[in-house]
Amino acid sequence: MENINSRKDFLNHLSNFVTEKRKLLIEDILNFRTRYLTVVLEDIYQSQNASAVLRTCECMGLQDVHIIEQENKFSINRNIVKGATKWMDIHRYNKSEVNNVKECLTSLRGKGYKICATSPHEGAYELGEFVPEEKTAFLLGHEKHGLSDQALEMADFSIKIPMYGFTESYNLSVSGALILYDCIHKLKNRKIDFYLSEDEKEEIKYRWYKMSYGKSDLLEKEFFKT
């Protein structure tokens, strides 16, 4: 397998085959990309809701989404995501006879994330009061039953979105959009550096350039052969 330096050489070579318009777009998007915030979807069963959340995450600049499939298989509605998922990193936790909730949240905590449950339970912060001063993973749960007891127990804290009507909850994708927009707005206002590192940008650029040129695999093969 090629080393990092040779991969950079190939990236420079590949850039000759990517249009200037596409390269500028990629640069602009990478400058707002983040792994500081991420979303965890636990056992979502409605593909429309799940797909709408993924699309929102990509629009908001999130690079990673984590999907727990303990009870329900996660499916993507391609008519709704509109190609969003190909620009993101989707991490799935769906091993049989494994506690996928624990595996996912333990992994995220090991990477420095605070685990934030979205729940209307007593003691939850209101969204307006919360500022993500550390890397944060937001847990969104099952459309009907919400988050599992284990997910709630493993969370470091909870937030809730104020509601002023008769309906008991927001739609899943609406909840995700409200939380992410509010938190990203606060991060920008406080000038917190929540963007990707230069190494992360370079690695993602490598993949995005390859997706932007239809014959990149053949080009890569020939490049490293010579």
Protein backbone atom coordinates (compact mmCIF):
# COMPACT_ATOMS: atom_id res chain seq x y z
CA MET A 1 0.00 0.00 0.00
CA GLU A 2 1.25 3.49 -0.84
CA ASN A 3 2.62 5.68 1.97
CA ILE A 4 1.39 9.17 2.89
CA ASN A 5 3.97 10.98 0.74
CA SER A 6 3.15 8.96 -2.37
CA ARG A 7 -0.55 9.53 -1.73
CA LYS A 8 0.11 13.29 -1.68
CA ASP A 9 1.99 12.92 -4.96
CA PHE A 10 -1.00 11.15 -6.47
CA LEU A 11 -3.36 13.79 -5.10
CA ASN A 12 -1.33 16.45 -6.89
CA HIS A 13 -1.44 14.37 -10.06
CA LEU A 14 -5.17 13.72 -9.72
CA SER A 15 -5.86 17.44 -9.24
CA ASN A 16 -4.97 17.93 -12.92
CA PHE A 17 -8.06 15.91 -13.84
CA VAL A 18 -10.50 17.71 -11.51
CA THR A 19 -12.11 20.92 -12.74
CA GLU A 20 -11.16 24.20 -11.08
CA LYS A 21 -14.81 24.75 -10.17
CA ARG A 22 -14.97 21.42 -8.35
CA LYS A 23 -11.65 22.03 -6.56
CA LEU A 24 -12.80 25.42 -5.30
CA LEU A 25 -16.08 23.90 -4.09
CA ILE A 26 -14.22 21.13 -2.26
CA GLU A 27 -11.90 23.67 -0.59
CA ASP A 28 -14.84 25.80 0.53
CA ILE A 29 -16.71 22.82 1.99
CA LEU A 30 -13.62 21.41 3.73
CA ASN A 31 -13.08 24.76 5.44
CA PHE A 32 -16.43 24.33 7.22
CA ARG A 33 -16.26 20.57 7.80
CA THR A 34 -16.22 19.31 11.38
CA ARG A 35 -15.78 16.26 13.56
CA TYR A 36 -16.22 18.31 16.72
CA LEU A 37 -19.93 17.47 16.62
CA THR A 38 -21.37 14.15 15.55
CA VAL A 39 -24.74 12.40 15.63
CA VAL A 40 -25.60 8.90 16.81
CA LEU A 41 -28.82 7.29 15.56
CA GLU A 42 -30.04 4.46 17.77
CA ASP A 43 -32.34 1.84 16.22
CA ILE A 44 -34.12 4.18 13.81
CA TYR A 45 -36.59 2.15 11.74
CA GLN A 46 -38.18 4.69 9.39
CA SER A 47 -35.86 5.19 6.43
CA GLN A 48 -37.38 8.58 5.59
CA ASN A 49 -36.55 9.98 9.03
CA ALA A 50 -33.09 8.46 9.14
CA SER A 51 -32.25 9.65 5.65
CA ALA A 52 -33.46 13.17 6.40
CA VAL A 53 -31.16 13.29 9.44
CA LEU A 54 -28.18 12.21 7.31
CA ARG A 55 -28.96 14.89 4.74
CA THR A 56 -29.21 17.52 7.48
CA CYS A 57 -25.89 16.43 9.00
CA GLU A 58 -24.11 16.76 5.66
CA CYS A 59 -25.67 20.18 5.04
CA MET A 60 -24.51 21.32 8.48
CA GLY A 61 -20.93 20.23 7.76
CA LEU A 62 -20.70 17.08 9.89
CA GLN A 63 -18.28 14.52 8.53
CA ASP A 64 -19.30 11.55 10.70
CA VAL A 65 -22.58 9.92 11.67
CA HIS A 66 -22.80 6.81 13.84
CA ILE A 67 -25.62 4.30 13.40
CA ILE A 68 -26.56 1.71 16.02
CA GLU A 69 -28.56 -1.24 14.68
CA GLN A 70 -29.24 -3.28 17.81
CA GLU A 71 -32.86 -4.14 17.01
CA ASN A 72 -33.62 -2.47 13.67
CA LYS A 73 -31.72 -2.56 10.41
CA PHE A 74 -30.89 0.90 9.12
CA SER A 75 -31.83 1.64 5.52
CA ILE A 76 -31.14 4.74 3.45
CA ASN A 77 -33.75 6.32 1.19
CA ARG A 78 -31.64 7.61 -1.68
CA ASN A 79 -34.42 9.88 -2.91
CA ILE A 80 -34.21 11.78 0.36
CA VAL A 81 -30.45 11.85 1.04
CA LYS A 82 -29.81 13.23 -2.48
CA GLY A 83 -26.27 11.84 -2.54
CA ALA A 84 -25.31 13.33 0.84
CA THR A 85 -23.95 10.08 2.25
CA LYS A 86 -21.17 9.68 -0.31
CA TRP A 87 -19.45 12.78 1.10
CA MET A 88 -19.65 11.57 4.71
CA ASP A 89 -18.25 8.80 6.88
CA ILE A 90 -21.06 6.53 8.08
CA HIS A 91 -20.06 4.27 10.98
CA ARG A 92 -22.39 1.32 11.57
CA TYR A 93 -22.60 -0.80 14.73
CA ASN A 94 -24.56 -3.92 13.87
CA LYS A 95 -22.65 -6.97 15.04
CA SER A 96 -24.74 -9.97 16.09
CA GLU A 97 -24.56 -11.02 19.74
CA VAL A 98 -22.76 -7.78 20.60
CA ASN A 99 -23.96 -4.85 22.69
CA ASN A 100 -23.75 -2.31 19.88
CA VAL A 101 -24.92 0.59 22.05
CA LYS A 102 -22.05 0.06 24.47
CA GLU A 103 -19.54 -0.49 21.67
CA CYS A 104 -20.51 2.73 19.88
CA LEU A 105 -20.64 5.00 22.92
CA THR A 106 -17.49 3.57 24.47
CA SER A 107 -15.65 4.13 21.19
CA LEU A 108 -16.84 7.73 20.97
CA ARG A 109 -15.90 8.44 24.56
CA GLY A 110 -12.46 7.03 23.88
CA LYS A 111 -12.12 9.60 21.08
CA GLY A 112 -12.86 12.44 23.48
CA TYR A 113 -16.58 12.93 22.90
CA LYS A 114 -19.09 13.89 25.56
CA ILE A 115 -22.25 11.85 25.06
CA CYS A 116 -25.38 14.01 24.94
CA ALA A 117 -28.79 12.34 25.00
CA THR A 118 -31.71 14.18 23.46
CA SER A 119 -34.48 13.56 25.95
CA PRO A 120 -37.31 15.50 27.61
CA HIS A 121 -36.55 13.88 30.98
CA GLU A 122 -36.22 15.81 34.22
CA GLY A 123 -32.81 17.41 34.65
CA ALA A 124 -32.10 17.86 30.94
CA TYR A 125 -30.62 21.18 29.83
CA GLU A 126 -32.78 23.27 27.56
CA LEU A 127 -31.14 23.62 24.16
CA GLY A 128 -30.85 27.39 24.54
CA GLU A 129 -28.77 26.95 27.72
CA PHE A 130 -26.34 24.44 26.25
CA VAL A 131 -22.98 25.34 24.69
CA PRO A 132 -20.85 22.49 23.28
CA GLU A 133 -17.54 23.48 24.87
CA GLU A 134 -16.14 19.99 24.22
CA LYS A 135 -16.48 17.50 21.39
CA THR A 136 -20.07 16.29 21.54
CA ALA A 137 -22.00 13.30 20.19
CA PHE A 138 -25.77 13.81 20.09
CA LEU A 139 -27.90 10.69 20.60
CA LEU A 140 -31.17 10.53 18.68
CA GLY A 141 -33.46 7.61 19.45
CA HIS A 142 -36.24 5.40 18.17
CA GLU A 143 -39.14 7.36 16.67
CA LYS A 144 -41.70 5.88 19.08
CA HIS A 145 -39.82 4.78 22.20
CA GLY A 146 -36.94 7.25 22.20
CA LEU A 147 -33.50 6.29 23.47
CA SER A 148 -32.87 2.99 25.21
CA ASP A 149 -32.29 2.89 28.97
CA GLN A 150 -28.67 1.94 28.35
CA ALA A 151 -28.08 4.90 26.03
CA LEU A 152 -29.57 7.24 28.63
CA GLU A 153 -27.46 5.69 31.40
CA MET A 154 -24.25 5.99 29.37
CA ALA A 155 -24.90 9.62 28.39
CA ASP A 156 -22.93 12.32 30.20
CA PHE A 157 -25.92 14.67 30.16
CA SER A 158 -29.19 15.34 28.33
CA ILE A 159 -30.70 18.25 26.42
CA LYS A 160 -34.29 18.97 25.46
CA ILE A 161 -35.84 21.22 22.85
CA PRO A 162 -38.59 23.49 24.20
CA MET A 163 -42.09 22.82 22.87
CA TYR A 164 -45.08 25.12 23.10
CA GLY A 165 -47.87 23.09 21.53
CA PHE A 166 -49.98 20.02 22.28
CA THR A 167 -47.77 17.60 20.33
CA GLU A 168 -45.40 15.63 22.57
CA SER A 169 -42.30 15.60 20.39
CA TYR A 170 -40.63 16.97 17.29
CA ASN A 171 -40.03 14.86 14.23
CA LEU A 172 -36.64 13.12 14.44
CA SER A 173 -35.09 15.01 11.53
CA VAL A 174 -36.43 18.33 12.83
CA SER A 175 -34.87 17.64 16.23
CA GLY A 176 -31.52 16.96 14.61
CA ALA A 177 -31.71 20.12 12.52
CA LEU A 178 -32.65 22.36 15.46
CA ILE A 179 -29.87 21.00 17.67
CA LEU A 180 -27.13 21.18 15.06
CA TYR A 181 -28.06 24.65 13.79
CA ASP A 182 -28.20 26.04 17.33
CA CYS A 183 -24.89 24.49 18.40
CA ILE A 184 -22.96 25.40 15.26
CA HIS A 185 -24.26 28.99 15.51
CA LYS A 186 -22.99 29.17 19.12
CA LEU A 187 -19.59 27.70 18.20
CA LYS A 188 -19.12 30.25 15.43
CA ASN A 189 -20.17 33.16 17.64
CA ARG A 190 -17.70 32.12 20.33
CA LYS A 191 -14.97 31.63 17.73
CA ILE A 192 -14.28 28.09 18.96
CA ASP A 193 -12.06 26.19 16.53
CA PHE A 194 -14.29 23.23 15.73
CA TYR A 195 -13.10 22.54 12.19
CA LEU A 196 -11.04 19.69 10.76
CA SER A 197 -7.28 19.58 11.12
CA GLU A 198 -5.13 20.05 8.01
CA ASP A 199 -4.29 16.33 7.98
CA GLU A 200 -7.99 15.44 8.13
CA LYS A 201 -8.75 17.83 5.29
CA GLU A 202 -6.00 16.29 3.18
CA GLU A 203 -7.28 12.75 3.74
CA ILE A 204 -10.86 13.68 2.87
CA LYS A 205 -9.77 15.75 -0.12
CA TYR A 206 -8.00 12.65 -1.46
CA ARG A 207 -11.28 10.72 -1.38
CA TRP A 208 -13.38 13.54 -2.74
CA TYR A 209 -11.03 14.16 -5.65
CA LYS A 210 -11.23 10.47 -6.51
CA MET A 211 -15.04 10.62 -6.49
CA SER A 212 -14.93 13.71 -8.70
CA TYR A 213 -13.05 12.00 -11.50
CA GLY A 214 -14.72 8.94 -12.98
CA LYS A 215 -11.52 7.14 -13.97
CA SER A 216 -9.60 7.79 -10.75
CA ASP A 217 -9.12 4.09 -9.90
CA LEU A 218 -7.50 3.41 -13.26
CA LEU A 219 -5.43 6.57 -12.98
CA GLU A 220 -4.28 5.57 -9.49
CA LYS A 221 -3.35 2.08 -10.61
CA GLU A 222 -1.23 3.42 -13.45
CA PHE A 223 0.35 6.07 -11.24
CA PHE A 224 1.60 3.64 -8.63
CA LYS A 225 2.64 1.09 -11.23
CA THR A 226 5.09 3.61 -12.67
